[in-house]
């Protein structure tokens, strides 16, 4: 193990208003969060994978996963706060990846790309992933988060709105955000200690707090598409993809 550890944390919460008991839903014969954990375990950059959950039921299920540490956390406001809570207990952690437990199709090679991009960029505080919208995606949907980037691939803004707006009807290559955040630990702890931002409160996107803090988010193009499971419709789509043993992002 490296002297400076790279930590991967999968934060899980038993309560979900749109999809109750979401982490424990069976997808392809195993709990939803197992997919994220098994993908993360293939990573070549992450030294340790931790399941951080607020429920004994989740911890009990997670205990059957090999090479994964399971930690029961207190009630916390968000997944990022859960990740920060874990990171404080690992002094040697230099970089911390927040791996979403409801992203079953996130490829481990894209996790590695995001980790490597942050390690190699001294000006970045966070890295995250994106893909171009496919022809079957709907950029007008508020459930898909759009990104506007600068010329150096730093994020200018994230929004549920369709941005950038094409005033003259010119074609736009919309960028869709994927649910992975890789933090430099020092910034993660500062982020967790910072109150919710104005823009974050309006859009309900916590990455906007990072931008309001004046920090830099490095954008990394993912090789494979993915999507998070937030609704029953998402879950049905994921189940059908698993049954077909094929996922191309459409």
C-alpha atoms as a PDB file:
ATOM      1  CA  UNK A   1       0.000   0.000   0.000  1.00  0.00           C
ATOM      2  CA  UNK A   2       1.184   3.498  -0.802  1.00  0.00           C
ATOM      3  CA  UNK A   3       2.302   5.767   2.022  1.00  0.00           C
ATOM      4  CA  UNK A   4      -0.380   8.242   0.932  1.00  0.00           C
ATOM      5  CA  UNK A   5      -3.637   6.334   0.638  1.00  0.00           C
ATOM      6  CA  UNK A   6      -6.318   6.797  -1.999  1.00  0.00           C
ATOM      7  CA  UNK A   7      -9.639   6.028  -0.392  1.00  0.00           C
ATOM      8  CA  UNK A   8     -12.860   5.020  -2.134  1.00  0.00           C
ATOM      9  CA  UNK A   9     -16.027   5.542  -0.099  1.00  0.00           C
ATOM     10  CA  UNK A  10     -19.519   4.408  -1.099  1.00  0.00           C
ATOM     11  CA  UNK A  11     -21.991   6.391   1.036  1.00  0.00           C
ATOM     12  CA  UNK A  12     -25.391   4.727   1.500  1.00  0.00           C
ATOM     13  CA  UNK A  13     -28.603   5.924   3.095  1.00  0.00           C
ATOM     14  CA  UNK A  14     -31.539   3.617   3.837  1.00  0.00           C
ATOM     15  CA  UNK A  15     -34.161   6.362   3.447  1.00  0.00           C
ATOM     16  CA  UNK A  16     -35.111   7.625  -0.014  1.00  0.00           C
ATOM     17  CA  UNK A  17     -38.258   9.601  -0.702  1.00  0.00           C
ATOM     18  CA  UNK A  18     -38.456   8.560  -4.358  1.00  0.00           C
ATOM     19  CA  UNK A  19     -37.239   4.968  -4.010  1.00  0.00           C
ATOM     20  CA  UNK A  20     -37.553   3.597  -0.439  1.00  0.00           C
ATOM     21  CA  UNK A  21     -34.789   1.225   0.747  1.00  0.00           C
ATOM     22  CA  UNK A  22     -32.991   1.867  -2.541  1.00  0.00           C
ATOM     23  CA  UNK A  23     -29.563   0.363  -1.644  1.00  0.00           C
ATOM     24  CA  UNK A  24     -31.192  -2.964  -0.782  1.00  0.00           C
ATOM     25  CA  UNK A  25     -33.254  -3.321  -3.947  1.00  0.00           C
ATOM     26  CA  UNK A  26     -32.276  -6.468  -5.840  1.00  0.00           C
ATOM     27  CA  UNK A  27     -30.751  -5.757  -9.231  1.00  0.00           C
ATOM     28  CA  UNK A  28     -29.689  -8.802 -11.205  1.00  0.00           C
ATOM     29  CA  UNK A  29     -29.904 -10.990  -8.108  1.00  0.00           C
ATOM     30  CA  UNK A  30     -27.888  -8.807  -5.722  1.00  0.00           C
ATOM     31  CA  UNK A  31     -28.364  -5.560  -3.791  1.00  0.00           C
ATOM     32  CA  UNK A  32     -28.038  -2.442  -5.934  1.00  0.00           C
ATOM     33  CA  UNK A  33     -24.958  -1.148  -4.102  1.00  0.00           C
ATOM     34  CA  UNK A  34     -23.058  -4.405  -4.723  1.00  0.00           C
ATOM     35  CA  UNK A  35     -22.641  -3.353  -8.364  1.00  0.00           C
ATOM     36  CA  UNK A  36     -20.883  -0.135  -7.372  1.00  0.00           C
ATOM     37  CA  UNK A  37     -18.691  -1.928  -4.827  1.00  0.00           C
ATOM     38  CA  UNK A  38     -17.663  -4.687  -7.227  1.00  0.00           C
ATOM     39  CA  UNK A  39     -16.835  -2.147  -9.938  1.00  0.00           C
ATOM     40  CA  UNK A  40     -14.779  -0.069  -7.502  1.00  0.00           C
ATOM     41  CA  UNK A  41     -12.845  -3.144  -6.338  1.00  0.00           C
ATOM     42  CA  UNK A  42     -11.463  -3.491  -9.855  1.00  0.00           C
ATOM     43  CA  UNK A  43      -9.860  -0.045  -9.645  1.00  0.00           C
ATOM     44  CA  UNK A  44      -6.089   0.094 -10.040  1.00  0.00           C
ATOM     45  CA  UNK A  45      -5.753   3.461  -8.292  1.00  0.00           C
ATOM     46  CA  UNK A  46      -7.854   3.056  -5.135  1.00  0.00           C
ATOM     47  CA  UNK A  47      -6.182   1.429  -2.140  1.00  0.00           C
ATOM     48  CA  UNK A  48      -9.188   0.827   0.076  1.00  0.00           C
ATOM     49  CA  UNK A  49     -12.953   0.600  -0.498  1.00  0.00           C
ATOM     50  CA  UNK A  50     -15.324   1.470   2.336  1.00  0.00           C
ATOM     51  CA  UNK A  51     -19.100   1.097   2.565  1.00  0.00           C
ATOM     52  CA  UNK A  52     -20.353   3.934   4.794  1.00  0.00           C
ATOM     53  CA  UNK A  53     -24.013   3.476   5.688  1.00  0.00           C
ATOM     54  CA  UNK A  54     -26.540   4.779   8.197  1.00  0.00           C
ATOM     55  CA  UNK A  55     -28.320   1.429   8.574  1.00  0.00           C
ATOM     56  CA  UNK A  56     -27.449  -1.866  10.236  1.00  0.00           C
ATOM     57  CA  UNK A  57     -29.476  -3.608   7.524  1.00  0.00           C
ATOM     58  CA  UNK A  58     -27.120  -2.292   4.850  1.00  0.00           C
ATOM     59  CA  UNK A  59     -24.026  -3.121   6.903  1.00  0.00           C
ATOM     60  CA  UNK A  60     -25.314  -6.668   7.428  1.00  0.00           C
ATOM     61  CA  UNK A  61     -25.752  -7.144   3.672  1.00  0.00           C
ATOM     62  CA  UNK A  62     -22.409  -5.498   2.881  1.00  0.00           C
ATOM     63  CA  UNK A  63     -20.534  -7.821   5.230  1.00  0.00           C
ATOM     64  CA  UNK A  64     -20.597 -10.554   2.570  1.00  0.00           C
ATOM     65  CA  UNK A  65     -18.513  -8.409   0.195  1.00  0.00           C
ATOM     66  CA  UNK A  66     -14.844  -9.384   0.200  1.00  0.00           C
ATOM     67  CA  UNK A  67     -12.079  -6.778   0.567  1.00  0.00           C
ATOM     68  CA  UNK A  68     -14.556  -4.073   1.563  1.00  0.00           C
ATOM     69  CA  UNK A  69     -14.658  -2.404   4.975  1.00  0.00           C
ATOM     70  CA  UNK A  70     -18.106  -1.566   6.349  1.00  0.00           C
ATOM     71  CA  UNK A  71     -18.654   1.415   8.658  1.00  0.00           C
ATOM     72  CA  UNK A  72     -21.890   2.436  10.368  1.00  0.00           C
ATOM     73  CA  UNK A  73     -22.104   6.233  10.382  1.00  0.00           C
ATOM     74  CA  UNK A  74     -24.336   8.592  12.353  1.00  0.00           C
ATOM     75  CA  UNK A  75     -27.158  10.524  10.697  1.00  0.00           C
ATOM     76  CA  UNK A  76     -25.566  13.054   8.355  1.00  0.00           C
ATOM     77  CA  UNK A  77     -27.019  15.630   5.935  1.00  0.00           C
ATOM     78  CA  UNK A  78     -25.587  14.212   2.692  1.00  0.00           C
ATOM     79  CA  UNK A  79     -23.480  11.546   1.050  1.00  0.00           C
ATOM     80  CA  UNK A  80     -20.530  13.931   0.864  1.00  0.00           C
ATOM     81  CA  UNK A  81     -20.767  14.533   4.610  1.00  0.00           C
ATOM     82  CA  UNK A  82     -20.732  10.765   5.103  1.00  0.00           C
ATOM     83  CA  UNK A  83     -17.618  10.479   2.934  1.00  0.00           C
ATOM     84  CA  UNK A  84     -15.920  13.320   4.831  1.00  0.00           C
ATOM     85  CA  UNK A  85     -16.833  11.715   8.167  1.00  0.00           C
ATOM     86  CA  UNK A  86     -15.034   8.533   7.072  1.00  0.00           C
ATOM     87  CA  UNK A  87     -12.053  10.409   5.595  1.00  0.00           C
ATOM     88  CA  UNK A  88     -11.345  12.164   8.912  1.00  0.00           C
ATOM     89  CA  UNK A  89     -10.566   8.738  10.380  1.00  0.00           C
ATOM     90  CA  UNK A  90      -7.870   8.016   7.768  1.00  0.00           C
ATOM     91  CA  UNK A  91      -4.983  10.469   8.293  1.00  0.00           C
ATOM     92  CA  UNK A  92      -2.960   8.918   5.471  1.00  0.00           C
ATOM     93  CA  UNK A  93      -5.720   9.448   2.897  1.00  0.00           C
ATOM     94  CA  UNK A  94      -4.618  12.064   0.379  1.00  0.00           C
ATOM     95  CA  UNK A  95      -7.346  11.601  -2.210  1.00  0.00           C
ATOM     96  CA  UNK A  96     -10.902  10.450  -1.504  1.00  0.00           C
ATOM     97  CA  UNK A  97     -13.345   9.184  -4.128  1.00  0.00           C
ATOM     98  CA  UNK A  98     -17.062   9.514  -3.477  1.00  0.00           C
ATOM     99  CA  UNK A  99     -18.470   6.561  -5.425  1.00  0.00           C
ATOM    100  CA  UNK A 100     -22.232   6.627  -5.778  1.00  0.00           C
ATOM    101  CA  UNK A 101     -23.923   3.406  -4.667  1.00  0.00           C
ATOM    102  CA  UNK A 102     -26.754   3.901  -7.147  1.00  0.00           C
ATOM    103  CA  UNK A 103     -24.531   4.028 -10.275  1.00  0.00           C
ATOM    104  CA  UNK A 104     -24.330   0.315 -11.170  1.00  0.00           C
ATOM    105  CA  UNK A 105     -22.852   0.876 -14.634  1.00  0.00           C
ATOM    106  CA  UNK A 106     -19.976   3.201 -13.747  1.00  0.00           C
ATOM    107  CA  UNK A 107     -16.862   1.586 -15.214  1.00  0.00           C
ATOM    108  CA  UNK A 108     -13.845   1.163 -12.918  1.00  0.00           C
ATOM    109  CA  UNK A 109     -11.553   2.474 -15.650  1.00  0.00           C
ATOM    110  CA  UNK A 110     -13.425   5.767 -15.583  1.00  0.00           C
ATOM    111  CA  UNK A 111     -12.979   5.917 -11.809  1.00  0.00           C
ATOM    112  CA  UNK A 112      -9.244   5.501 -12.424  1.00  0.00           C
ATOM    113  CA  UNK A 113      -9.290   8.244 -15.064  1.00  0.00           C
ATOM    114  CA  UNK A 114     -10.870  10.680 -12.609  1.00  0.00           C
ATOM    115  CA  UNK A 115      -8.423   9.773  -9.834  1.00  0.00           C
ATOM    116  CA  UNK A 116      -5.421  10.127 -12.147  1.00  0.00           C
ATOM    117  CA  UNK A 117      -6.661  13.469 -13.503  1.00  0.00           C
ATOM    118  CA  UNK A 118      -6.885  14.912  -9.985  1.00  0.00           C
ATOM    119  CA  UNK A 119      -3.455  13.567  -8.988  1.00  0.00           C
ATOM    120  CA  UNK A 120      -1.867  15.115 -12.058  1.00  0.00           C
ATOM    121  CA  UNK A 121      -3.511  18.533 -11.769  1.00  0.00           C
ATOM    122  CA  UNK A 122      -2.166  20.686  -8.914  1.00  0.00           C
ATOM    123  CA  UNK A 123      -4.750  23.374  -9.689  1.00  0.00           C
ATOM    124  CA  UNK A 124      -7.796  21.126  -9.254  1.00  0.00           C
ATOM    125  CA  UNK A 125      -9.564  20.460  -5.959  1.00  0.00           C
ATOM    126  CA  UNK A 126     -12.081  17.948  -7.311  1.00  0.00           C
ATOM    127  CA  UNK A 127     -12.505  15.835 -10.421  1.00  0.00           C
ATOM    128  CA  UNK A 128     -15.671  14.374 -11.891  1.00  0.00           C
ATOM    129  CA  UNK A 129     -16.920  12.649 -15.039  1.00  0.00           C
ATOM    130  CA  UNK A 130     -19.065  13.564 -18.006  1.00  0.00           C
ATOM    131  CA  UNK A 131     -20.308  12.115 -21.269  1.00  0.00           C
ATOM    132  CA  UNK A 132     -21.834  13.818 -24.297  1.00  0.00           C
ATOM    133  CA  UNK A 133     -25.594  13.431 -24.520  1.00  0.00           C
ATOM    134  CA  UNK A 134     -26.619  10.578 -26.797  1.00  0.00           C
ATOM    135  CA  UNK A 135     -29.384  10.975 -29.363  1.00  0.00           C
ATOM    136  CA  UNK A 136     -31.786   9.205 -26.983  1.00  0.00           C
ATOM    137  CA  UNK A 137     -30.980  11.446 -23.995  1.00  0.00           C
ATOM    138  CA  UNK A 138     -33.187  14.397 -23.181  1.00  0.00           C
ATOM    139  CA  UNK A 139     -31.134  17.453 -22.158  1.00  0.00           C
ATOM    140  CA  UNK A 140     -34.360  19.239 -21.180  1.00  0.00           C
ATOM    141  CA  UNK A 141     -34.983  16.786 -18.332  1.00  0.00           C
ATOM    142  CA  UNK A 142     -34.171  18.263 -14.900  1.00  0.00           C
ATOM    143  CA  UNK A 143     -33.083  14.810 -13.691  1.00  0.00           C
ATOM    144  CA  UNK A 144     -30.038  14.917 -15.991  1.00  0.00           C
ATOM    145  CA  UNK A 145     -27.416  17.434 -14.906  1.00  0.00           C
ATOM    146  CA  UNK A 146     -25.759  19.501 -17.608  1.00  0.00           C
ATOM    147  CA  UNK A 147     -22.253  20.976 -17.463  1.00  0.00           C
ATOM    148  CA  UNK A 148     -20.652  24.003 -19.077  1.00  0.00           C
ATOM    149  CA  UNK A 149     -16.845  23.791 -19.255  1.00  0.00           C
ATOM    150  CA  UNK A 150     -14.038  26.240 -19.924  1.00  0.00           C
ATOM    151  CA  UNK A 151     -11.236  25.656 -22.450  1.00  0.00           C
ATOM    152  CA  UNK A 152      -9.091  23.885 -19.847  1.00  0.00           C
ATOM    153  CA  UNK A 153     -11.860  21.415 -18.951  1.00  0.00           C
ATOM    154  CA  UNK A 154     -12.727  23.016 -15.630  1.00  0.00           C
ATOM    155  CA  UNK A 155     -16.403  23.294 -14.754  1.00  0.00           C
ATOM    156  CA  UNK A 156     -17.984  26.711 -15.159  1.00  0.00           C
ATOM    157  CA  UNK A 157     -21.455  25.630 -14.041  1.00  0.00           C
ATOM    158  CA  UNK A 158     -23.719  22.637 -13.439  1.00  0.00           C
ATOM    159  CA  UNK A 159     -27.456  22.901 -13.911  1.00  0.00           C
ATOM    160  CA  UNK A 160     -30.686  20.982 -14.161  1.00  0.00           C
ATOM    161  CA  UNK A 161     -31.614  23.487 -16.860  1.00  0.00           C
ATOM    162  CA  UNK A 162     -30.670  23.019 -20.501  1.00  0.00           C
ATOM    163  CA  UNK A 163     -27.379  24.910 -20.694  1.00  0.00           C
ATOM    164  CA  UNK A 164     -25.850  26.536 -22.617  1.00  0.00           C
ATOM    165  CA  UNK A 165     -28.947  28.141 -24.151  1.00  0.00           C
ATOM    166  CA  UNK A 166     -28.738  28.391 -27.936  1.00  0.00           C
ATOM    167  CA  UNK A 167     -30.272  31.785 -28.664  1.00  0.00           C
ATOM    168  CA  UNK A 168     -29.960  31.487 -32.435  1.00  0.00           C
ATOM    169  CA  UNK A 169     -30.797  27.809 -32.614  1.00  0.00           C
ATOM    170  CA  UNK A 170     -27.235  26.679 -33.298  1.00  0.00           C
ATOM    171  CA  UNK A 171     -26.523  23.014 -32.449  1.00  0.00           C
ATOM    172  CA  UNK A 172     -25.046  22.407 -29.001  1.00  0.00           C
ATOM    173  CA  UNK A 173     -23.012  19.442 -27.789  1.00  0.00           C
ATOM    174  CA  UNK A 174     -24.554  19.099 -24.356  1.00  0.00           C
ATOM    175  CA  UNK A 175     -22.461  17.471 -21.632  1.00  0.00           C
ATOM    176  CA  UNK A 176     -24.096  15.168 -19.077  1.00  0.00           C
ATOM    177  CA  UNK A 177     -22.648  14.834 -15.591  1.00  0.00           C
ATOM    178  CA  UNK A 178     -21.948  11.370 -14.149  1.00  0.00           C
ATOM    179  CA  UNK A 179     -22.160  10.738 -10.414  1.00  0.00           C
ATOM    180  CA  UNK A 180     -18.583  10.432  -9.243  1.00  0.00           C
ATOM    181  CA  UNK A 181     -16.522  12.931  -7.238  1.00  0.00           C
ATOM    182  CA  UNK A 182     -12.834  12.573  -6.476  1.00  0.00           C
ATOM    183  CA  UNK A 183     -11.589  15.035  -3.827  1.00  0.00           C
ATOM    184  CA  UNK A 184      -8.286  16.161  -2.475  1.00  0.00           C
ATOM    185  CA  UNK A 185      -8.899  15.336   1.160  1.00  0.00           C
ATOM    186  CA  UNK A 186      -8.058  18.789   2.493  1.00  0.00           C
ATOM    187  CA  UNK A 187     -10.710  20.305   0.248  1.00  0.00           C
ATOM    188  CA  UNK A 188     -13.288  17.604   1.054  1.00  0.00           C
ATOM    189  CA  UNK A 189     -13.065  18.407   4.760  1.00  0.00           C
ATOM    190  CA  UNK A 190     -13.324  22.121   4.063  1.00  0.00           C
ATOM    191  CA  UNK A 191     -16.287  21.500   1.762  1.00  0.00           C
ATOM    192  CA  UNK A 192     -18.076  19.483   4.440  1.00  0.00           C
ATOM    193  CA  UNK A 193     -17.554  22.279   6.979  1.00  0.00           C
ATOM    194  CA  UNK A 194     -18.931  24.935   4.606  1.00  0.00           C
ATOM    195  CA  UNK A 195     -22.652  25.796   4.790  1.00  0.00           C
ATOM    196  CA  UNK A 196     -24.935  25.072   1.851  1.00  0.00           C
ATOM    197  CA  UNK A 197     -24.472  27.618  -0.930  1.00  0.00           C
ATOM    198  CA  UNK A 198     -27.141  29.848  -2.478  1.00  0.00           C
ATOM    199  CA  UNK A 199     -26.925  28.214  -5.916  1.00  0.00           C
ATOM    200  CA  UNK A 200     -26.779  24.749  -4.355  1.00  0.00           C
ATOM    201  CA  UNK A 201     -29.998  25.481  -2.486  1.00  0.00           C
ATOM    202  CA  UNK A 202     -31.724  26.669  -5.658  1.00  0.00           C
ATOM    203  CA  UNK A 203     -30.676  23.802  -7.955  1.00  0.00           C
ATOM    204  CA  UNK A 204     -30.228  21.104  -5.289  1.00  0.00           C
ATOM    205  CA  UNK A 205     -26.769  20.306  -6.682  1.00  0.00           C
ATOM    206  CA  UNK A 206     -24.034  20.201  -4.060  1.00  0.00           C
ATOM    207  CA  UNK A 207     -21.230  20.563  -6.616  1.00  0.00           C
ATOM    208  CA  UNK A 208     -22.361  24.180  -6.949  1.00  0.00           C
ATOM    209  CA  UNK A 209     -21.125  24.733  -3.388  1.00  0.00           C
ATOM    210  CA  UNK A 210     -17.661  23.807  -4.643  1.00  0.00           C
ATOM    211  CA  UNK A 211     -17.855  26.443  -7.378  1.00  0.00           C
ATOM    212  CA  UNK A 212     -19.249  29.059  -4.990  1.00  0.00           C
ATOM    213  CA  UNK A 213     -16.258  28.381  -2.744  1.00  0.00           C
ATOM    214  CA  UNK A 214     -13.992  29.343  -5.654  1.00  0.00           C
ATOM    215  CA  UNK A 215     -12.599  25.827  -6.041  1.00  0.00           C
ATOM    216  CA  UNK A 216     -11.723  24.104  -9.311  1.00  0.00           C
ATOM    217  CA  UNK A 217     -13.527  21.010 -10.621  1.00  0.00           C
ATOM    218  CA  UNK A 218     -11.626  19.111 -13.314  1.00  0.00           C
ATOM    219  CA  UNK A 219     -13.909  17.517 -15.899  1.00  0.00           C
ATOM    220  CA  UNK A 220     -12.901  14.117 -17.266  1.00  0.00           C
ATOM    221  CA  UNK A 221     -14.519  12.503 -20.300  1.00  0.00           C
ATOM    222  CA  UNK A 222     -15.765   9.031 -19.390  1.00  0.00           C
ATOM    223  CA  UNK A 223     -15.168   6.187 -21.817  1.00  0.00           C
ATOM    224  CA  UNK A 224     -18.514   4.583 -21.045  1.00  0.00           C
ATOM    225  CA  UNK A 225     -21.945   6.072 -20.280  1.00  0.00           C
ATOM    226  CA  UNK A 226     -23.699   5.458 -16.997  1.00  0.00           C
ATOM    227  CA  UNK A 227     -26.716   6.675 -15.097  1.00  0.00           C
ATOM    228  CA  UNK A 228     -27.863   6.913 -11.514  1.00  0.00           C
ATOM    229  CA  UNK A 229     -30.961   5.162 -10.208  1.00  0.00           C
ATOM    230  CA  UNK A 230     -33.220   7.724  -8.557  1.00  0.00           C
ATOM    231  CA  UNK A 231     -36.712   6.577  -9.527  1.00  0.00           C
ATOM    232  CA  UNK A 232     -38.664   3.398 -10.158  1.00  0.00           C
ATOM    233  CA  UNK A 233     -38.397   4.138 -13.880  1.00  0.00           C
ATOM    234  CA  UNK A 234     -34.593   4.224 -13.588  1.00  0.00           C
ATOM    235  CA  UNK A 235     -34.639   0.935 -11.710  1.00  0.00           C
ATOM    236  CA  UNK A 236     -36.785  -0.749 -14.351  1.00  0.00           C
ATOM    237  CA  UNK A 237     -34.442   0.533 -17.074  1.00  0.00           C
ATOM    238  CA  UNK A 238     -31.407  -0.832 -15.194  1.00  0.00           C
ATOM    239  CA  UNK A 239     -33.124  -4.200 -14.643  1.00  0.00           C
ATOM    240  CA  UNK A 240     -33.878  -4.507 -18.348  1.00  0.00           C
ATOM    241  CA  UNK A 241     -30.288  -3.653 -19.227  1.00  0.00           C
ATOM    242  CA  UNK A 242     -28.977  -6.275 -16.810  1.00  0.00           C
ATOM    243  CA  UNK A 243     -31.305  -8.896 -18.280  1.00  0.00           C
ATOM    244  CA  UNK A 244     -30.049  -8.031 -21.745  1.00  0.00           C
ATOM    245  CA  UNK A 245     -26.443  -8.170 -20.490  1.00  0.00           C
ATOM    246  CA  UNK A 246     -25.711  -5.088 -22.559  1.00  0.00           C
ATOM    247  CA  UNK A 247     -25.404  -1.411 -21.736  1.00  0.00           C
ATOM    248  CA  UNK A 248     -24.598   1.252 -24.290  1.00  0.00           C
ATOM    249  CA  UNK A 249     -26.086   4.255 -22.544  1.00  0.00           C
ATOM    250  CA  UNK A 250     -29.284   4.299 -24.568  1.00  0.00           C
END
